[in-house]
C-alpha atoms as a PDB file:
ATOM      1  CA  MET A   1     -32.074 -18.482 -31.134  1.00  0.00           C
ATOM      2  CA  THR A   2     -32.558 -21.766 -32.992  1.00  0.00           C
ATOM      3  CA  ALA A   3     -33.758 -22.464 -36.473  1.00  0.00           C
ATOM      4  CA  SER A   4     -36.902 -24.296 -37.415  1.00  0.00           C
ATOM      5  CA  PRO A   5     -38.244 -24.736 -40.944  1.00  0.00           C
ATOM      6  CA  ALA A   6     -40.303 -21.608 -40.402  1.00  0.00           C
ATOM      7  CA  ALA A   7     -37.247 -19.682 -39.250  1.00  0.00           C
ATOM      8  CA  LEU A   8     -35.393 -20.433 -42.465  1.00  0.00           C
ATOM      9  CA  ARG A   9     -36.623 -18.306 -45.297  1.00  0.00           C
ATOM     10  CA  ALA A  10     -35.730 -17.601 -48.882  1.00  0.00           C
ATOM     11  CA  SER A  11     -34.983 -13.988 -49.726  1.00  0.00           C
ATOM     12  CA  ALA A  12     -33.735 -12.181 -52.797  1.00  0.00           C
ATOM     13  CA  PRO A  13     -30.375 -13.781 -53.674  1.00  0.00           C
ATOM     14  CA  ALA A  14     -27.199 -11.835 -54.237  1.00  0.00           C
ATOM     15  CA  SER A  15     -25.840 -11.679 -57.769  1.00  0.00           C
ATOM     16  CA  PRO A  16     -22.283 -11.355 -59.147  1.00  0.00           C
ATOM     17  CA  ALA A  17     -23.582  -8.578 -61.402  1.00  0.00           C
ATOM     18  CA  GLN A  18     -24.671  -6.425 -58.448  1.00  0.00           C
ATOM     19  CA  GLY A  19     -21.330  -5.883 -56.787  1.00  0.00           C
ATOM     20  CA  PRO A  20     -18.255  -7.619 -55.410  1.00  0.00           C
ATOM     21  CA  LEU A  21     -18.073 -10.401 -52.862  1.00  0.00           C
ATOM     22  CA  ILE A  22     -16.152  -9.583 -49.679  1.00  0.00           C
ATOM     23  CA  VAL A  23     -14.535 -12.578 -47.976  1.00  0.00           C
ATOM     24  CA  LEU A  24     -13.259 -12.058 -44.440  1.00  0.00           C
ATOM     25  CA  GLY A  25     -10.632 -14.616 -43.485  1.00  0.00           C
ATOM     26  CA  HIS A  26      -9.843 -15.339 -47.129  1.00  0.00           C
ATOM     27  CA  ALA A  27      -6.405 -16.818 -46.319  1.00  0.00           C
ATOM     28  CA  GLY A  28      -7.829 -19.679 -44.257  1.00  0.00           C
ATOM     29  CA  THR A  29      -8.753 -23.163 -45.422  1.00  0.00           C
ATOM     30  CA  LEU A  30     -12.349 -22.257 -46.227  1.00  0.00           C
ATOM     31  CA  GLY A  31     -11.571 -18.678 -47.256  1.00  0.00           C
ATOM     32  CA  GLN A  32      -9.197 -19.840 -49.988  1.00  0.00           C
ATOM     33  CA  ALA A  33     -11.801 -22.286 -51.279  1.00  0.00           C
ATOM     34  CA  VAL A  34     -14.511 -19.607 -51.251  1.00  0.00           C
ATOM     35  CA  MET A  35     -12.298 -17.307 -53.316  1.00  0.00           C
ATOM     36  CA  ARG A  36     -11.671 -20.018 -55.927  1.00  0.00           C
ATOM     37  CA  VAL A  37     -15.304 -21.110 -56.181  1.00  0.00           C
ATOM     38  CA  ALA A  38     -16.468 -17.479 -56.327  1.00  0.00           C
ATOM     39  CA  ALA A  39     -14.114 -16.768 -59.229  1.00  0.00           C
ATOM     40  CA  ASP A  40     -15.415 -19.838 -61.073  1.00  0.00           C
ATOM     41  CA  ARG A  41     -18.948 -18.515 -60.612  1.00  0.00           C
ATOM     42  CA  GLY A  42     -18.139 -15.071 -62.005  1.00  0.00           C
ATOM     43  CA  TRP A  43     -17.865 -13.096 -58.788  1.00  0.00           C
ATOM     44  CA  ARG A  44     -15.505 -10.174 -58.363  1.00  0.00           C
ATOM     45  CA  THR A  45     -13.884 -10.884 -55.023  1.00  0.00           C
ATOM     46  CA  LEU A  46     -12.198  -8.820 -52.332  1.00  0.00           C
ATOM     47  CA  GLY A  47     -10.402 -10.837 -49.660  1.00  0.00           C
ATOM     48  CA  PHE A  48      -9.358  -9.534 -46.265  1.00  0.00           C
ATOM     49  CA  SER A  49      -7.377 -11.270 -43.540  1.00  0.00           C
ATOM     50  CA  ARG A  50      -4.708 -10.534 -40.969  1.00  0.00           C
ATOM     51  CA  ARG A  51      -2.173 -11.813 -43.491  1.00  0.00           C
ATOM     52  CA  SER A  52      -3.276  -9.598 -46.379  1.00  0.00           C
ATOM     53  CA  VAL A  53      -3.891  -6.385 -44.412  1.00  0.00           C
ATOM     54  CA  PRO A  54      -1.531  -6.329 -41.405  1.00  0.00           C
ATOM     55  CA  GLY A  55      -2.817  -4.233 -38.543  1.00  0.00           C
ATOM     56  CA  LEU A  56      -6.446  -4.209 -39.728  1.00  0.00           C
ATOM     57  CA  ASN A  57      -8.748  -5.692 -37.101  1.00  0.00           C
ATOM     58  CA  TRP A  58     -12.366  -5.532 -38.218  1.00  0.00           C
ATOM     59  CA  ALA A  59     -13.560  -6.510 -34.760  1.00  0.00           C
ATOM     60  CA  ARG A  60     -12.082  -3.374 -33.192  1.00  0.00           C
ATOM     61  CA  VAL A  61     -13.627  -0.766 -35.466  1.00  0.00           C
ATOM     62  CA  ALA A  62     -16.687   1.085 -34.226  1.00  0.00           C
ATOM     63  CA  ASP A  63     -18.685   0.669 -37.429  1.00  0.00           C
ATOM     64  CA  LEU A  64     -18.134  -1.309 -40.629  1.00  0.00           C
ATOM     65  CA  ALA A  65     -20.102   1.111 -42.798  1.00  0.00           C
ATOM     66  CA  PRO A  66     -17.201   3.519 -43.577  1.00  0.00           C
ATOM     67  CA  TYR A  67     -15.174   0.567 -44.850  1.00  0.00           C
ATOM     68  CA  PHE A  68     -17.870  -1.395 -46.656  1.00  0.00           C
ATOM     69  CA  LYS A  69     -20.035   1.374 -48.127  1.00  0.00           C
ATOM     70  CA  PRO A  70     -17.467   2.494 -50.760  1.00  0.00           C
ATOM     71  CA  LEU A  71     -17.020  -1.153 -51.805  1.00  0.00           C
ATOM     72  CA  ALA A  72     -20.796  -1.692 -52.256  1.00  0.00           C
ATOM     73  CA  PRO A  73     -20.626  -5.476 -51.815  1.00  0.00           C
ATOM     74  CA  ALA A  74     -23.452  -7.668 -53.032  1.00  0.00           C
ATOM     75  CA  LEU A  75     -22.509 -10.384 -50.556  1.00  0.00           C
ATOM     76  CA  VAL A  76     -20.210 -10.823 -47.542  1.00  0.00           C
ATOM     77  CA  ILE A  77     -18.910 -14.180 -46.322  1.00  0.00           C
ATOM     78  CA  ASN A  78     -17.263 -14.193 -42.910  1.00  0.00           C
ATOM     79  CA  ALA A  79     -14.876 -17.148 -42.662  1.00  0.00           C
ATOM     80  CA  ALA A  80     -12.541 -15.479 -40.142  1.00  0.00           C
ATOM     81  CA  ALA A  81     -11.786 -17.768 -37.227  1.00  0.00           C
ATOM     82  CA  ILE A  82      -9.369 -18.835 -34.530  1.00  0.00           C
ATOM     83  CA  SER A  83      -9.113 -22.575 -35.124  1.00  0.00           C
ATOM     84  CA  ASP A  84      -6.753 -23.436 -32.254  1.00  0.00           C
ATOM     85  CA  VAL A  85      -8.621 -24.365 -29.067  1.00  0.00           C
ATOM     86  CA  GLY A  86      -5.575 -23.645 -26.926  1.00  0.00           C
ATOM     87  CA  ALA A  87      -5.032 -20.232 -28.490  1.00  0.00           C
ATOM     88  CA  ALA A  88      -8.630 -19.236 -27.765  1.00  0.00           C
ATOM     89  CA  GLU A  89      -8.218 -20.337 -24.139  1.00  0.00           C
ATOM     90  CA  ALA A  90      -4.959 -18.400 -23.793  1.00  0.00           C
ATOM     91  CA  ASP A  91      -6.423 -15.200 -25.274  1.00  0.00           C
ATOM     92  CA  PRO A  92     -10.181 -15.119 -24.626  1.00  0.00           C
ATOM     93  CA  MET A  93     -10.433 -11.462 -25.626  1.00  0.00           C
ATOM     94  CA  ALA A  94      -9.134 -12.260 -29.107  1.00  0.00           C
ATOM     95  CA  ALA A  95     -11.570 -15.175 -29.383  1.00  0.00           C
ATOM     96  CA  MET A  96     -14.495 -12.950 -28.430  1.00  0.00           C
ATOM     97  CA  GLU A  97     -13.396 -10.263 -30.879  1.00  0.00           C
ATOM     98  CA  VAL A  98     -13.182 -12.622 -33.843  1.00  0.00           C
ATOM     99  CA  HIS A  99     -16.061 -14.987 -33.073  1.00  0.00           C
ATOM    100  CA  ALA A 100     -18.559 -12.667 -31.390  1.00  0.00           C
ATOM    101  CA  ARG A 101     -17.912  -8.951 -31.852  1.00  0.00           C
ATOM    102  CA  LEU A 102     -17.194  -9.214 -35.576  1.00  0.00           C
ATOM    103  CA  PRO A 103     -20.429 -11.119 -36.375  1.00  0.00           C
ATOM    104  CA  GLY A 104     -22.268  -8.575 -34.233  1.00  0.00           C
ATOM    105  CA  LEU A 105     -20.837  -5.696 -36.248  1.00  0.00           C
ATOM    106  CA  LEU A 106     -21.668  -7.480 -39.499  1.00  0.00           C
ATOM    107  CA  ALA A 107     -25.258  -8.027 -38.360  1.00  0.00           C
ATOM    108  CA  GLU A 108     -25.683  -4.331 -37.494  1.00  0.00           C
ATOM    109  CA  TRP A 109     -24.197  -3.195 -40.805  1.00  0.00           C
ATOM    110  CA  ALA A 110     -26.108  -5.740 -42.902  1.00  0.00           C
ATOM    111  CA  GLN A 111     -29.431  -4.816 -41.326  1.00  0.00           C
ATOM    112  CA  ARG A 112     -28.872  -1.159 -42.171  1.00  0.00           C
ATOM    113  CA  SER A 113     -27.566  -1.801 -45.678  1.00  0.00           C
ATOM    114  CA  GLY A 114     -29.809  -4.728 -46.615  1.00  0.00           C
ATOM    115  CA  THR A 115     -26.779  -6.728 -47.770  1.00  0.00           C
ATOM    116  CA  PRO A 116     -26.997 -10.524 -47.549  1.00  0.00           C
ATOM    117  CA  TRP A 117     -24.179 -12.241 -45.702  1.00  0.00           C
ATOM    118  CA  VAL A 118     -22.942 -15.614 -44.508  1.00  0.00           C
ATOM    119  CA  GLN A 119     -21.501 -16.333 -41.076  1.00  0.00           C
ATOM    120  CA  VAL A 120     -19.506 -19.578 -40.906  1.00  0.00           C
ATOM    121  CA  CYS A 121     -19.503 -21.133 -37.426  1.00  0.00           C
ATOM    122  CA  THR A 122     -18.237 -24.154 -35.564  1.00  0.00           C
ATOM    123  CA  ASP A 123     -19.682 -27.562 -34.677  1.00  0.00           C
ATOM    124  CA  HIS A 124     -17.697 -27.696 -31.427  1.00  0.00           C
ATOM    125  CA  TYR A 125     -20.702 -27.831 -29.094  1.00  0.00           C
ATOM    126  CA  TRP A 126     -21.435 -31.405 -28.017  1.00  0.00           C
ATOM    127  CA  SER A 127     -19.853 -34.280 -26.099  1.00  0.00           C
ATOM    128  CA  ALA A 128     -21.163 -37.830 -25.653  1.00  0.00           C
ATOM    129  CA  ASN A 129     -20.174 -41.469 -25.363  1.00  0.00           C
ATOM    130  CA  GLU A 130     -21.637 -42.295 -28.762  1.00  0.00           C
ATOM    131  CA  ASN A 131     -21.812 -40.956 -32.284  1.00  0.00           C
ATOM    132  CA  LEU A 132     -24.735 -38.548 -32.681  1.00  0.00           C
ATOM    133  CA  ARG A 133     -26.114 -36.242 -35.368  1.00  0.00           C
ATOM    134  CA  HIS A 134     -27.355 -32.933 -34.011  1.00  0.00           C
ATOM    135  CA  ALA A 135     -30.173 -30.918 -35.556  1.00  0.00           C
ATOM    136  CA  GLU A 136     -30.094 -27.130 -35.690  1.00  0.00           C
ATOM    137  CA  GLU A 137     -32.289 -26.739 -32.594  1.00  0.00           C
ATOM    138  CA  ALA A 138     -30.279 -29.153 -30.413  1.00  0.00           C
ATOM    139  CA  PRO A 139     -29.250 -27.488 -27.105  1.00  0.00           C
ATOM    140  CA  VAL A 140     -25.537 -26.681 -27.116  1.00  0.00           C
ATOM    141  CA  LYS A 141     -22.991 -27.229 -24.342  1.00  0.00           C
ATOM    142  CA  PRO A 142     -19.847 -25.268 -25.251  1.00  0.00           C
ATOM    143  CA  PRO A 143     -16.906 -26.996 -23.509  1.00  0.00           C
ATOM    144  CA  ASN A 144     -14.287 -24.246 -23.847  1.00  0.00           C
ATOM    145  CA  MET A 145     -13.621 -20.613 -24.688  1.00  0.00           C
ATOM    146  CA  LEU A 146     -13.504 -21.215 -28.428  1.00  0.00           C
ATOM    147  CA  ALA A 147     -16.993 -22.730 -28.433  1.00  0.00           C
ATOM    148  CA  ARG A 148     -18.408 -20.163 -25.995  1.00  0.00           C
ATOM    149  CA  SER A 149     -17.196 -17.293 -28.143  1.00  0.00           C
ATOM    150  CA  TRP A 150     -18.655 -18.913 -31.268  1.00  0.00           C
ATOM    151  CA  HIS A 151     -22.015 -19.399 -29.578  1.00  0.00           C
ATOM    152  CA  GLU A 152     -22.087 -15.756 -28.511  1.00  0.00           C
ATOM    153  CA  GLY A 153     -21.344 -14.828 -32.122  1.00  0.00           C
ATOM    154  CA  GLU A 154     -24.234 -16.934 -33.353  1.00  0.00           C
ATOM    155  CA  GLN A 155     -26.695 -15.043 -31.174  1.00  0.00           C
ATOM    156  CA  LEU A 156     -25.394 -11.710 -32.437  1.00  0.00           C
ATOM    157  CA  ALA A 157     -25.309 -12.747 -36.092  1.00  0.00           C
ATOM    158  CA  LEU A 158     -28.887 -14.015 -36.009  1.00  0.00           C
ATOM    159  CA  ARG A 159     -30.170 -10.628 -34.905  1.00  0.00           C
ATOM    160  CA  ASP A 160     -30.105  -9.928 -38.626  1.00  0.00           C
ATOM    161  CA  PRO A 161     -32.809 -12.027 -40.323  1.00  0.00           C
ATOM    162  CA  GLY A 162     -30.870 -11.738 -43.578  1.00  0.00           C
ATOM    163  CA  CYS A 163     -27.927 -13.756 -42.261  1.00  0.00           C
ATOM    164  CA  LEU A 164     -27.250 -17.317 -43.383  1.00  0.00           C
ATOM    165  CA  LEU A 165     -25.435 -18.893 -40.437  1.00  0.00           C
ATOM    166  CA  VAL A 166     -23.629 -22.106 -41.345  1.00  0.00           C
ATOM    167  CA  ARG A 167     -22.431 -24.609 -38.780  1.00  0.00           C
ATOM    168  CA  THR A 168     -19.900 -26.981 -40.288  1.00  0.00           C
ATOM    169  CA  HIS A 169     -16.699 -29.041 -39.936  1.00  0.00           C
ATOM    170  CA  VAL A 170     -14.215 -27.983 -42.617  1.00  0.00           C
ATOM    171  CA  ALA A 171     -11.426 -30.290 -43.779  1.00  0.00           C
ATOM    172  CA  GLY A 172      -8.692 -29.279 -46.184  1.00  0.00           C
ATOM    173  CA  PHE A 173      -5.256 -27.928 -46.974  1.00  0.00           C
ATOM    174  CA  ARG A 174      -4.327 -24.374 -45.983  1.00  0.00           C
ATOM    175  CA  GLY A 175      -0.636 -24.042 -46.796  1.00  0.00           C
ATOM    176  CA  HIS A 176       0.461 -21.951 -43.804  1.00  0.00           C
ATOM    177  CA  ALA A 177       3.991 -22.923 -42.823  1.00  0.00           C
ATOM    178  CA  GLY A 178       4.192 -24.114 -39.231  1.00  0.00           C
ATOM    179  CA  GLN A 179       0.390 -24.149 -38.827  1.00  0.00           C
ATOM    180  CA  PRO A 180      -0.815 -27.412 -40.383  1.00  0.00           C
ATOM    181  CA  THR A 181      -4.469 -28.316 -40.466  1.00  0.00           C
ATOM    182  CA  PHE A 182      -5.436 -31.777 -39.231  1.00  0.00           C
ATOM    183  CA  VAL A 183      -5.483 -33.040 -42.822  1.00  0.00           C
ATOM    184  CA  GLU A 184      -2.078 -31.505 -43.504  1.00  0.00           C
ATOM    185  CA  GLY A 185      -0.707 -33.199 -40.395  1.00  0.00           C
ATOM    186  CA  VAL A 186      -1.943 -36.578 -41.622  1.00  0.00           C
ATOM    187  CA  ALA A 187      -0.538 -35.939 -45.103  1.00  0.00           C
ATOM    188  CA  ALA A 188       2.853 -34.993 -43.654  1.00  0.00           C
ATOM    189  CA  ALA A 189       2.963 -38.220 -41.656  1.00  0.00           C
ATOM    190  CA  LEU A 190       2.112 -40.211 -44.782  1.00  0.00           C
ATOM    191  CA  ALA A 191       4.934 -38.506 -46.668  1.00  0.00           C
ATOM    192  CA  ARG A 192       7.371 -39.475 -43.900  1.00  0.00           C
ATOM    193  CA  ALA A 193       5.975 -43.019 -43.633  1.00  0.00           C
ATOM    194  CA  GLU A 194       5.172 -42.336 -39.976  1.00  0.00           C
ATOM    195  CA  PRO A 195       2.185 -43.719 -38.055  1.00  0.00           C
ATOM    196  CA  VAL A 196      -0.952 -41.609 -37.762  1.00  0.00           C
ATOM    197  CA  ASP A 197      -2.885 -41.673 -34.476  1.00  0.00           C
ATOM    198  CA  ALA A 198      -6.633 -41.111 -34.803  1.00  0.00           C
ATOM    199  CA  CYS A 199      -9.383 -41.484 -32.211  1.00  0.00           C
ATOM    200  CA  THR A 200     -12.257 -43.940 -32.373  1.00  0.00           C
ATOM    201  CA  ASP A 201     -14.326 -41.931 -29.861  1.00  0.00           C
ATOM    202  CA  VAL A 202     -14.203 -38.503 -31.527  1.00  0.00           C
ATOM    203  CA  TRP A 203     -16.925 -37.994 -34.136  1.00  0.00           C
ATOM    204  CA  ALA A 204     -17.746 -35.269 -36.649  1.00  0.00           C
ATOM    205  CA  SER A 205     -19.278 -34.620 -40.080  1.00  0.00           C
ATOM    206  CA  PRO A 206     -16.297 -33.394 -42.127  1.00  0.00           C
ATOM    207  CA  ILE A 207     -16.687 -31.766 -45.525  1.00  0.00           C
ATOM    208  CA  GLU A 208     -13.907 -30.697 -47.890  1.00  0.00           C
ATOM    209  CA  ALA A 209     -13.558 -26.912 -48.099  1.00  0.00           C
ATOM    210  CA  HIS A 210     -14.450 -26.547 -51.794  1.00  0.00           C
ATOM    211  CA  GLN A 211     -17.469 -28.823 -51.372  1.00  0.00           C
ATOM    212  CA  LEU A 212     -18.660 -26.570 -48.565  1.00  0.00           C
ATOM    213  CA  ALA A 213     -18.048 -23.422 -50.616  1.00  0.00           C
ATOM    214  CA  GLU A 214     -20.122 -24.801 -53.484  1.00  0.00           C
ATOM    215  CA  ALA A 215     -22.991 -25.631 -51.135  1.00  0.00           C
ATOM    216  CA  VAL A 216     -22.857 -22.192 -49.498  1.00  0.00           C
ATOM    217  CA  PHE A 217     -23.048 -20.402 -52.855  1.00  0.00           C
ATOM    218  CA  ASP A 218     -25.960 -22.602 -53.921  1.00  0.00           C
ATOM    219  CA  LEU A 219     -27.805 -21.727 -50.705  1.00  0.00           C
ATOM    220  CA  VAL A 220     -27.070 -18.022 -51.266  1.00  0.00           C
ATOM    221  CA  ASP A 221     -28.382 -18.342 -54.835  1.00  0.00           C
ATOM    222  CA  ILE A 222     -31.785 -19.459 -53.554  1.00  0.00           C
ATOM    223  CA  GLY A 223     -31.774 -16.895 -50.741  1.00  0.00           C
ATOM    224  CA  VAL A 224     -31.750 -19.160 -47.680  1.00  0.00           C
ATOM    225  CA  THR A 225     -31.270 -17.466 -44.304  1.00  0.00           C
ATOM    226  CA  GLY A 226     -31.175 -18.615 -40.697  1.00  0.00           C
ATOM    227  CA  ARG A 227     -29.102 -21.257 -38.908  1.00  0.00           C
ATOM    228  CA  LEU A 228     -28.288 -24.281 -41.032  1.00  0.00           C
ATOM    229  CA  HIS A 229     -26.010 -27.301 -40.693  1.00  0.00           C
ATOM    230  CA  VAL A 230     -23.966 -27.687 -43.878  1.00  0.00           C
ATOM    231  CA  ALA A 231     -21.401 -30.479 -43.630  1.00  0.00           C
ATOM    232  CA  GLY A 232     -20.664 -34.007 -44.757  1.00  0.00           C
ATOM    233  CA  ARG A 233     -23.735 -36.219 -44.632  1.00  0.00           C
ATOM    234  CA  ASP A 234     -21.868 -38.933 -42.675  1.00  0.00           C
ATOM    235  CA  ALA A 235     -21.006 -38.517 -38.996  1.00  0.00           C
ATOM    236  CA  VAL A 236     -17.865 -40.603 -38.583  1.00  0.00           C
ATOM    237  CA  SER A 237     -15.078 -41.228 -36.111  1.00  0.00           C
ATOM    238  CA  GLN A 238     -11.779 -39.464 -36.576  1.00  0.00           C
ATOM    239  CA  ALA A 239     -10.175 -42.870 -37.162  1.00  0.00           C
ATOM    240  CA  ASP A 240     -12.638 -43.817 -39.914  1.00  0.00           C
ATOM    241  CA  PHE A 241     -12.152 -40.431 -41.546  1.00  0.00           C
ATOM    242  CA  VAL A 242      -8.365 -40.830 -41.550  1.00  0.00           C
ATOM    243  CA  GLU A 243      -8.620 -44.356 -42.930  1.00  0.00           C
ATOM    244  CA  ALA A 244     -10.855 -43.175 -45.787  1.00  0.00           C
ATOM    245  CA  PHE A 245      -8.443 -40.305 -46.522  1.00  0.00           C
ATOM    246  CA  ILE A 246      -5.423 -42.629 -46.502  1.00  0.00           C
ATOM    247  CA  ARG A 247      -7.091 -45.123 -48.821  1.00  0.00           C
ATOM    248  CA  ALA A 248      -8.320 -42.407 -51.197  1.00  0.00           C
ATOM    249  CA  GLY A 249      -4.724 -41.199 -51.504  1.00  0.00           C
ATOM    250  CA  GLY A 250      -3.522 -44.660 -52.473  1.00  0.00           C
ATOM    251  CA  HIS A 251      -1.737 -45.326 -49.199  1.00  0.00           C
ATOM    252  CA  GLY A 252      -2.047 -48.483 -47.161  1.00  0.00           C
ATOM    253  CA  PRO A 253      -4.036 -48.364 -43.908  1.00  0.00           C
ATOM    254  CA  ASP A 254      -1.084 -49.869 -41.984  1.00  0.00           C
ATOM    255  CA  GLN A 255       0.032 -46.355 -41.009  1.00  0.00           C
ATOM    256  CA  LEU A 256      -3.203 -45.761 -39.059  1.00  0.00           C
ATOM    257  CA  ARG A 257      -3.163 -46.394 -35.310  1.00  0.00           C
ATOM    258  CA  ARG A 258      -6.641 -46.363 -33.765  1.00  0.00           C
ATOM    259  CA  THR A 259      -6.576 -44.756 -30.327  1.00  0.00           C
ATOM    260  CA  GLN A 260      -8.918 -43.173 -27.808  1.00  0.00           C
ATOM    261  CA  ARG A 261      -8.982 -39.545 -26.724  1.00  0.00           C
ATOM    262  CA  PRO A 262      -7.140 -38.679 -23.521  1.00  0.00           C
ATOM    263  CA  ALA A 263      -9.104 -39.133 -20.327  1.00  0.00           C
ATOM    264  CA  ARG A 264      -8.150 -35.620 -19.265  1.00  0.00           C
ATOM    265  CA  GLN A 265      -7.887 -32.656 -21.596  1.00  0.00           C
ATOM    266  CA  HIS A 266      -7.093 -29.013 -21.015  1.00  0.00           C
ATOM    267  CA  PRO A 267      -8.868 -27.238 -22.406  1.00  0.00           C
ATOM    268  CA  ARG A 268     -11.763 -29.652 -22.727  1.00  0.00           C
ATOM    269  CA  ARG A 269     -12.817 -30.518 -26.251  1.00  0.00           C
ATOM    270  CA  ALA A 270     -16.135 -31.583 -27.707  1.00  0.00           C
ATOM    271  CA  ASN A 271     -16.048 -35.112 -29.119  1.00  0.00           C
ATOM    272  CA  ALA A 272     -19.518 -35.869 -30.553  1.00  0.00           C
ATOM    273  CA  THR A 273     -20.071 -33.083 -33.072  1.00  0.00           C
ATOM    274  CA  GLY A 274     -21.919 -34.869 -35.873  1.00  0.00           C
ATOM    275  CA  LEU A 275     -24.406 -32.666 -37.726  1.00  0.00           C
ATOM    276  CA  ASP A 276     -27.809 -33.547 -39.153  1.00  0.00           C
ATOM    277  CA  VAL A 277     -27.723 -31.985 -42.625  1.00  0.00           C
ATOM    278  CA  SER A 278     -31.189 -33.031 -43.779  1.00  0.00           C
ATOM    279  CA  ARG A 279     -32.532 -29.451 -43.858  1.00  0.00           C
ATOM    280  CA  ALA A 280     -29.643 -28.216 -45.975  1.00  0.00           C
ATOM    281  CA  GLU A 281     -30.119 -31.165 -48.337  1.00  0.00           C
ATOM    282  CA  ALA A 282     -33.826 -30.338 -48.618  1.00  0.00           C
ATOM    283  CA  TRP A 283     -33.021 -26.744 -49.580  1.00  0.00           C
ATOM    284  CA  LEU A 284     -30.323 -27.817 -52.023  1.00  0.00           C
ATOM    285  CA  GLY A 285     -32.369 -30.605 -53.567  1.00  0.00           C
ATOM    286  CA  ARG A 286     -29.364 -32.939 -53.432  1.00  0.00           C
ATOM    287  CA  ARG A 287     -27.310 -34.986 -51.017  1.00  0.00           C
ATOM    288  CA  LEU A 288     -24.287 -33.440 -49.390  1.00  0.00           C
ATOM    289  CA  PRO A 289     -20.996 -35.350 -49.798  1.00  0.00           C
ATOM    290  CA  ALA A 290     -20.617 -38.734 -48.101  1.00  0.00           C
ATOM    291  CA  LEU A 291     -17.378 -39.805 -46.426  1.00  0.00           C
ATOM    292  CA  ASP A 292     -15.858 -41.399 -49.521  1.00  0.00           C
ATOM    293  CA  GLU A 293     -16.595 -38.273 -51.583  1.00  0.00           C
ATOM    294  CA  VAL A 294     -14.980 -36.049 -48.962  1.00  0.00           C
ATOM    295  CA  ALA A 295     -11.915 -38.299 -48.786  1.00  0.00           C
ATOM    296  CA  GLU A 296     -11.559 -38.397 -52.576  1.00  0.00           C
ATOM    297  CA  ALA A 297     -11.786 -34.605 -52.830  1.00  0.00           C
ATOM    298  CA  LEU A 298      -9.076 -34.205 -50.187  1.00  0.00           C
ATOM    299  CA  ALA A 299      -6.822 -36.811 -51.785  1.00  0.00           C
ATOM    300  CA  ALA A 300      -7.136 -35.032 -55.148  1.00  0.00           C
ATOM    301  CA  SER A 301      -5.329 -31.975 -53.749  1.00  0.00           C
ATOM    302  CA  PRO A 302      -1.902 -31.285 -55.290  1.00  0.00           C
ATOM    303  CA  ALA A 303      -0.591 -31.141 -51.727  1.00  0.00           C
ATOM    304  CA  MET A 304      -1.469 -34.792 -51.114  1.00  0.00           C
ATOM    305  CA  PRO A 305       1.707 -36.945 -51.030  1.00  0.00           C
ATOM    306  CA  LYS A 306       1.759 -39.754 -53.569  1.00  0.00           C
ATOM    307  CA  PRO A 307       2.625 -43.312 -52.585  1.00  0.00           C
ATOM    308  CA  THR A 308       6.155 -44.280 -53.559  1.00  0.00           C
ATOM    309  CA  LEU A 309       6.725 -47.241 -55.863  1.00  0.00           C
ATOM    310  CA  LEU A 310       8.281 -49.127 -52.969  1.00  0.00           C
ATOM    311  CA  ARG A 311       5.103 -48.762 -50.908  1.00  0.00           C
ATOM    312  CA  GLU A 312       2.868 -49.318 -53.888  1.00  0.00           C
ATOM    313  CA  PHE A 313       4.397 -52.711 -54.741  1.00  0.00           C
ATOM    314  CA  ASP A 314       5.361 -53.631 -51.160  1.00  0.00           C
ATOM    315  CA  VAL A 315       9.020 -54.163 -52.078  1.00  0.00           C
ATOM    316  CA  GLU A 316      11.386 -54.978 -49.251  1.00  0.00           C
ATOM    317  CA  VAL A 317      14.874 -53.554 -49.465  1.00  0.00           C
ATOM    318  CA  GLY A 318      17.552 -55.580 -47.641  1.00  0.00           C
END
């Protein structure tokens, strides 16, 4: 199922006054941002993740209604995800549970209850020898188990016409020890004054997590449903993204080493995942963040290492 302008519709928006917001995967990069933005907007929030409720696996229950009905949520945002391509390949059942079965259960419950909900999905669908922006109806070619499970989840989620399904490329800080995000890996290298390798032939449309959360809530406010690309407005190479991030943080670009992706990868990874966000911008009535705005938002994080005086003034110590 693909979205066209006719397939995207505005319905009655959820309201903070009606009931709480449930966030699945609230401990992740996007989930944390959603919780903060929701609180700023007056929502009462309930967050669930494997970290907060050990042993609870929403994807393995028979029906979500016994859990959700007593909570009477006005809105559900599903940001639960397996972000590691290798982990999804090693445990395909877990990938299918999180990315496909859970959205399917949410769609069944939401249709019965009439509750609006948001399914956050991947952009990991396309490979090419050039930088491309993909519209919502572009045919997908999932290269690995992670992408295949996400695509299955999309089909199940969109069985509910009240679902807003967001494809995106989230960038940000998560704060999980031993599990750094890409941005956290770059920041750690900057702090150690180590070189950062970034590919010139891997492209995406990154958006900072809080910027994405703000856009999602705005789309919910006007009642948009259907598949929508919500990401940074610029499709850029990984190397250009890293350079913008480094510069925004006040670091010199000398730490960046521009490389190319390996000729052979296992599992295979998509490399040309730029998203055309023109439909989302039309609904929002504003432009989504450009590369420099994304980089500045990331560099403003308290977790971003500051340049030392020695680097700042280029002082040589003999």
